[in-house]
Amino acid sequence: QVQLVESGGGLVQAGGSLRLSCTASRSILSNSVMDWYRQAPGKQRELVASITIGGRTNYEDSVKGRFLISRDNAKNTAYLQMNSLKPEDTAVYYCWGDHMGWGQGTQVTVSS
């Protein structure tokens, strides 16, 4: 199982931006769809963004137009650029790919 490490979270005011990174422990990220999920306390984990091997992206409606998922296969890394953040974006954010284990996630907290 490939290990994933998420980073880049933090505390930000509403309207601010963060860029999350997800790095795989092996150079197989290029062969997988990459997803970003988030989970707020007491809530189910939800898919917020996906990017295919070919670079096609898809977003959950609530983040569409604000978030951008990308990937750099040479760096075994996926990214989630988050702009115009809202308090309801507060959650632990996780990345995932085929045959990859969940990482520890990175906390994003958006204050009013």
N, C-alpha and C. Protein backbone atom coordinates (compact mmCIF):
# COMPACT_ATOMS: atom_id res chain seq x y z
N GLN A 1 0.83 -1.18 0.00
CA GLN A 1 0.00 0.00 0.00
C GLN A 1 0.88 1.25 0.00
N VAL A 2 0.57 2.17 -0.88
CA VAL A 2 1.32 3.41 -0.98
C VAL A 2 0.84 4.37 0.10
N GLN A 3 1.78 4.98 0.78
CA GLN A 3 1.45 5.95 1.81
C GLN A 3 1.33 7.35 1.22
N LEU A 4 0.41 8.11 1.77
CA LEU A 4 0.17 9.47 1.34
C LEU A 4 0.38 10.43 2.51
N VAL A 5 0.95 11.57 2.21
CA VAL A 5 1.17 12.59 3.21
C VAL A 5 0.57 13.90 2.72
N GLU A 6 -0.40 14.41 3.48
CA GLU A 6 -1.03 15.68 3.16
C GLU A 6 -0.39 16.79 3.99
N SER A 7 -0.34 17.97 3.40
CA SER A 7 0.21 19.12 4.11
C SER A 7 -0.40 20.39 3.54
N GLY A 8 -0.17 21.50 4.22
CA GLY A 8 -0.60 22.79 3.73
C GLY A 8 -1.80 23.39 4.41
N GLY A 9 -2.43 22.63 5.31
CA GLY A 9 -3.58 23.16 6.01
C GLY A 9 -3.18 24.20 7.04
N GLY A 10 -4.17 24.82 7.63
CA GLY A 10 -3.92 25.83 8.63
C GLY A 10 -5.17 26.62 8.94
N LEU A 11 -4.98 27.70 9.65
CA LEU A 11 -6.06 28.61 10.02
C LEU A 11 -6.04 29.81 9.10
N VAL A 12 -7.18 30.11 8.51
CA VAL A 12 -7.27 31.22 7.58
C VAL A 12 -8.60 31.92 7.77
N GLN A 13 -8.62 33.21 7.51
CA GLN A 13 -9.85 33.97 7.58
C GLN A 13 -10.71 33.72 6.35
N ALA A 14 -12.01 33.88 6.52
CA ALA A 14 -12.93 33.75 5.40
C ALA A 14 -12.48 34.65 4.26
N GLY A 15 -12.53 34.10 3.05
CA GLY A 15 -12.07 34.83 1.88
C GLY A 15 -10.62 34.58 1.52
N GLY A 16 -9.89 33.93 2.41
CA GLY A 16 -8.49 33.65 2.17
C GLY A 16 -8.27 32.41 1.33
N SER A 17 -7.01 32.05 1.17
CA SER A 17 -6.63 30.93 0.32
C SER A 17 -5.63 30.03 1.02
N LEU A 18 -5.65 28.77 0.64
CA LEU A 18 -4.66 27.79 1.06
C LEU A 18 -4.37 26.87 -0.12
N ARG A 19 -3.17 26.31 -0.12
CA ARG A 19 -2.80 25.32 -1.12
C ARG A 19 -2.38 24.05 -0.40
N LEU A 20 -3.13 22.99 -0.60
CA LEU A 20 -2.83 21.71 0.01
C LEU A 20 -1.99 20.86 -0.94
N SER A 21 -1.10 20.07 -0.36
CA SER A 21 -0.26 19.16 -1.14
C SER A 21 -0.45 17.74 -0.65
N CYS A 22 -0.31 16.80 -1.54
CA CYS A 22 -0.42 15.38 -1.24
C CYS A 22 0.68 14.66 -1.98
N THR A 23 1.59 14.05 -1.25
CA THR A 23 2.73 13.37 -1.85
C THR A 23 2.67 11.88 -1.57
N ALA A 24 2.86 11.09 -2.60
CA ALA A 24 2.85 9.63 -2.48
C ALA A 24 4.25 9.12 -2.20
N SER A 25 4.32 8.00 -1.49
CA SER A 25 5.60 7.45 -1.09
C SER A 25 6.32 6.73 -2.22
N ARG A 26 5.61 6.43 -3.30
CA ARG A 26 6.20 5.78 -4.46
C ARG A 26 5.76 6.49 -5.73
N SER A 27 6.51 6.29 -6.79
CA SER A 27 6.26 6.97 -8.05
C SER A 27 5.19 6.26 -8.88
N ILE A 28 4.01 6.11 -8.31
CA ILE A 28 2.89 5.50 -9.02
C ILE A 28 1.70 6.44 -9.11
N LEU A 29 1.84 7.63 -8.61
CA LEU A 29 0.73 8.58 -8.63
C LEU A 29 0.24 8.84 -10.05
N SER A 30 1.14 8.82 -11.01
CA SER A 30 0.78 9.10 -12.39
C SER A 30 -0.19 8.08 -12.98
N ASN A 31 -0.30 6.92 -12.36
CA ASN A 31 -1.15 5.84 -12.86
C ASN A 31 -2.50 5.77 -12.16
N SER A 32 -2.87 6.80 -11.45
CA SER A 32 -4.10 6.77 -10.68
C SER A 32 -4.87 8.08 -10.78
N VAL A 33 -6.19 7.97 -10.80
CA VAL A 33 -7.03 9.12 -10.50
C VAL A 33 -6.69 9.57 -9.08
N MET A 34 -6.62 10.87 -8.88
CA MET A 34 -6.36 11.41 -7.55
C MET A 34 -7.56 12.22 -7.08
N ASP A 35 -7.91 12.00 -5.83
CA ASP A 35 -9.08 12.64 -5.24
C ASP A 35 -8.69 13.41 -3.98
N TRP A 36 -9.46 14.44 -3.71
CA TRP A 36 -9.41 15.12 -2.42
C TRP A 36 -10.76 14.95 -1.73
N TYR A 37 -10.72 14.53 -0.49
CA TYR A 37 -11.88 14.40 0.36
C TYR A 37 -11.75 15.34 1.55
N ARG A 38 -12.87 15.59 2.21
CA ARG A 38 -12.83 16.31 3.47
C ARG A 38 -13.84 15.72 4.44
N GLN A 39 -13.55 15.86 5.72
CA GLN A 39 -14.43 15.35 6.75
C GLN A 39 -14.47 16.34 7.90
N ALA A 40 -15.65 16.87 8.15
CA ALA A 40 -15.88 17.75 9.28
C ALA A 40 -16.30 16.91 10.48
N PRO A 41 -16.10 17.41 11.70
CA PRO A 41 -16.49 16.65 12.89
C PRO A 41 -17.96 16.23 12.84
N GLY A 42 -18.21 14.95 13.09
CA GLY A 42 -19.56 14.43 13.10
C GLY A 42 -20.17 14.24 11.73
N LYS A 43 -19.41 14.47 10.68
CA LYS A 43 -19.93 14.35 9.32
C LYS A 43 -19.22 13.22 8.58
N GLN A 44 -19.85 12.75 7.52
CA GLN A 44 -19.23 11.75 6.67
C GLN A 44 -18.15 12.38 5.80
N ARG A 45 -17.17 11.58 5.47
CA ARG A 45 -16.15 12.04 4.54
C ARG A 45 -16.77 12.21 3.16
N GLU A 46 -16.50 13.34 2.52
CA GLU A 46 -17.09 13.63 1.23
C GLU A 46 -16.03 13.96 0.20
N LEU A 47 -16.29 13.55 -1.01
CA LEU A 47 -15.40 13.84 -2.13
C LEU A 47 -15.62 15.27 -2.59
N VAL A 48 -14.55 16.04 -2.70
CA VAL A 48 -14.68 17.42 -3.13
C VAL A 48 -14.06 17.69 -4.49
N ALA A 49 -13.07 16.90 -4.90
CA ALA A 49 -12.42 17.14 -6.18
C ALA A 49 -11.71 15.89 -6.66
N SER A 50 -11.67 15.71 -7.98
CA SER A 50 -10.99 14.58 -8.59
C SER A 50 -10.25 15.05 -9.83
N ILE A 51 -9.16 14.37 -10.14
CA ILE A 51 -8.45 14.62 -11.38
C ILE A 51 -8.04 13.29 -11.98
N THR A 52 -8.35 13.10 -13.26
CA THR A 52 -8.04 11.85 -13.93
C THR A 52 -6.57 11.79 -14.33
N ILE A 53 -6.17 10.61 -14.80
CA ILE A 53 -4.80 10.45 -15.29
C ILE A 53 -4.52 11.44 -16.41
N GLY A 54 -5.51 11.68 -17.24
CA GLY A 54 -5.35 12.61 -18.35
C GLY A 54 -5.51 14.07 -17.99
N GLY A 55 -5.86 14.37 -16.74
CA GLY A 55 -5.95 15.74 -16.30
C GLY A 55 -7.35 16.33 -16.26
N ARG A 56 -8.36 15.55 -16.57
CA ARG A 56 -9.73 16.04 -16.48
C ARG A 56 -10.14 16.16 -15.02
N THR A 57 -10.82 17.24 -14.68
CA THR A 57 -11.16 17.52 -13.29
C THR A 57 -12.66 17.51 -13.07
N ASN A 58 -13.05 17.26 -11.83
CA ASN A 58 -14.44 17.29 -11.42
C ASN A 58 -14.50 17.80 -9.99
N TYR A 59 -15.56 18.56 -9.67
CA TYR A 59 -15.67 19.20 -8.37
C TYR A 59 -17.06 19.05 -7.79
N GLU A 60 -17.11 18.95 -6.47
CA GLU A 60 -18.37 19.02 -5.77
C GLU A 60 -18.93 20.43 -5.95
N ASP A 61 -20.23 20.54 -6.04
CA ASP A 61 -20.85 21.81 -6.41
C ASP A 61 -20.48 22.96 -5.47
N SER A 62 -20.35 22.68 -4.19
CA SER A 62 -20.10 23.74 -3.23
C SER A 62 -18.72 24.37 -3.36
N VAL A 63 -17.79 23.69 -4.02
CA VAL A 63 -16.44 24.22 -4.17
C VAL A 63 -16.13 24.61 -5.61
N LYS A 64 -17.02 24.33 -6.51
CA LYS A 64 -16.81 24.63 -7.92
C LYS A 64 -16.60 26.13 -8.12
N GLY A 65 -15.55 26.47 -8.84
CA GLY A 65 -15.22 27.86 -9.07
C GLY A 65 -14.31 28.46 -8.02
N ARG A 66 -14.14 27.76 -6.91
CA ARG A 66 -13.28 28.25 -5.83
C ARG A 66 -12.04 27.38 -5.64
N PHE A 67 -12.19 26.08 -5.85
CA PHE A 67 -11.09 25.14 -5.66
C PHE A 67 -10.56 24.69 -7.01
N LEU A 68 -9.27 24.34 -7.05
CA LEU A 68 -8.65 23.83 -8.25
C LEU A 68 -7.73 22.67 -7.88
N ILE A 69 -8.01 21.50 -8.45
CA ILE A 69 -7.16 20.34 -8.23
C ILE A 69 -6.17 20.22 -9.39
N SER A 70 -4.95 19.84 -9.07
CA SER A 70 -3.93 19.66 -10.09
C SER A 70 -2.99 18.55 -9.66
N ARG A 71 -2.11 18.17 -10.56
CA ARG A 71 -1.15 17.12 -10.24
C ARG A 71 0.17 17.38 -10.93
N ASP A 72 1.24 16.96 -10.29
CA ASP A 72 2.58 17.01 -10.85
C ASP A 72 3.14 15.61 -10.70
N ASN A 73 3.03 14.83 -11.76
CA ASN A 73 3.41 13.42 -11.68
C ASN A 73 4.90 13.24 -11.41
N ALA A 74 5.72 14.13 -11.92
CA ALA A 74 7.16 14.04 -11.70
C ALA A 74 7.51 14.18 -10.23
N LYS A 75 6.68 14.89 -9.48
CA LYS A 75 6.90 15.08 -8.06
C LYS A 75 6.06 14.15 -7.20
N ASN A 76 5.30 13.25 -7.83
CA ASN A 76 4.41 12.33 -7.12
C ASN A 76 3.47 13.09 -6.19
N THR A 77 2.97 14.21 -6.66
CA THR A 77 2.22 15.11 -5.81
C THR A 77 0.94 15.59 -6.48
N ALA A 78 -0.13 15.63 -5.70
CA ALA A 78 -1.37 16.26 -6.11
C ALA A 78 -1.59 17.49 -5.24
N TYR A 79 -2.29 18.47 -5.78
CA TYR A 79 -2.52 19.72 -5.09
C TYR A 79 -4.00 20.06 -5.06
N LEU A 80 -4.38 20.84 -4.08
CA LEU A 80 -5.70 21.43 -4.04
C LEU A 80 -5.55 22.90 -3.67
N GLN A 81 -5.72 23.76 -4.66
CA GLN A 81 -5.71 25.19 -4.42
C GLN A 81 -7.11 25.61 -4.00
N MET A 82 -7.22 26.22 -2.84
CA MET A 82 -8.51 26.62 -2.28
C MET A 82 -8.54 28.13 -2.14
N ASN A 83 -9.46 28.74 -2.85
CA ASN A 83 -9.62 30.19 -2.83
C ASN A 83 -11.00 30.54 -2.28
N SER A 84 -11.14 31.79 -1.88
CA SER A 84 -12.43 32.29 -1.37
C SER A 84 -13.00 31.35 -0.32
N LEU A 85 -12.18 30.98 0.63
CA LEU A 85 -12.58 30.00 1.63
C LEU A 85 -13.71 30.52 2.50
N LYS A 86 -14.57 29.60 2.88
CA LYS A 86 -15.73 29.88 3.71
C LYS A 86 -15.65 29.04 4.99
N PRO A 87 -16.30 29.49 6.07
CA PRO A 87 -16.29 28.70 7.30
C PRO A 87 -16.76 27.27 7.10
N GLU A 88 -17.70 27.04 6.20
CA GLU A 88 -18.19 25.70 5.96
C GLU A 88 -17.18 24.79 5.27
N ASP A 89 -16.06 25.35 4.83
CA ASP A 89 -14.97 24.54 4.28
C ASP A 89 -14.11 23.92 5.38
N THR A 90 -14.34 24.31 6.62
CA THR A 90 -13.56 23.79 7.74
C THR A 90 -13.72 22.28 7.83
N ALA A 91 -12.61 21.57 7.80
CA ALA A 91 -12.61 20.11 7.83
C ALA A 91 -11.18 19.61 7.82
N VAL A 92 -11.03 18.31 8.03
CA VAL A 92 -9.76 17.66 7.75
C VAL A 92 -9.80 17.20 6.31
N TYR A 93 -8.79 17.55 5.55
CA TYR A 93 -8.73 17.23 4.14
C TYR A 93 -7.78 16.06 3.89
N TYR A 94 -8.24 15.11 3.10
CA TYR A 94 -7.48 13.91 2.77
C TYR A 94 -7.36 13.77 1.26
N CYS A 95 -6.26 13.20 0.81
CA CYS A 95 -6.16 12.79 -0.58
C CYS A 95 -6.24 11.27 -0.66
N TRP A 96 -6.50 10.78 -1.86
CA TRP A 96 -6.62 9.33 -2.07
C TRP A 96 -6.36 9.00 -3.52
N GLY A 97 -5.74 7.86 -3.74
CA GLY A 97 -5.55 7.32 -5.08
C GLY A 97 -5.66 5.81 -5.04
N ASP A 98 -5.76 5.21 -6.21
CA ASP A 98 -5.92 3.76 -6.31
C ASP A 98 -4.76 3.04 -5.62
N HIS A 99 -5.09 2.10 -4.76
CA HIS A 99 -4.11 1.30 -4.02
C HIS A 99 -3.24 2.15 -3.09
N MET A 100 -3.79 3.23 -2.62
CA MET A 100 -3.09 4.10 -1.70
C MET A 100 -3.87 4.19 -0.39
N GLY A 101 -3.15 4.13 0.71
CA GLY A 101 -3.79 4.24 2.00
C GLY A 101 -4.07 5.68 2.37
N TRP A 102 -5.08 5.86 3.21
CA TRP A 102 -5.39 7.19 3.71
C TRP A 102 -4.23 7.75 4.51
N GLY A 103 -3.92 9.01 4.28
CA GLY A 103 -2.94 9.69 5.10
C GLY A 103 -3.56 10.20 6.37
N GLN A 104 -2.81 11.01 7.10
CA GLN A 104 -3.31 11.56 8.36
C GLN A 104 -4.24 12.75 8.15
N GLY A 105 -4.27 13.26 6.94
CA GLY A 105 -5.07 14.43 6.63
C GLY A 105 -4.40 15.71 7.10
N THR A 106 -4.94 16.82 6.64
CA THR A 106 -4.44 18.12 7.07
C THR A 106 -5.64 19.00 7.43
N GLN A 107 -5.56 19.63 8.58
CA GLN A 107 -6.68 20.41 9.10
C GLN A 107 -6.76 21.77 8.43
N VAL A 108 -7.94 22.10 7.95
CA VAL A 108 -8.23 23.42 7.41
C VAL A 108 -9.31 24.05 8.28
N THR A 109 -9.01 25.19 8.84
CA THR A 109 -9.97 25.90 9.67
C THR A 109 -10.15 27.30 9.12
N VAL A 110 -11.38 27.64 8.81
CA VAL A 110 -11.70 28.94 8.23
C VAL A 110 -12.54 29.71 9.25
N SER A 111 -12.03 30.84 9.68
CA SER A 111 -12.71 31.65 10.67
C SER A 111 -13.57 32.71 10.00
N SER A 112 -14.62 33.12 10.71
CA SER A 112 -15.51 34.15 10.19
C SER A 112 -14.90 35.53 10.35
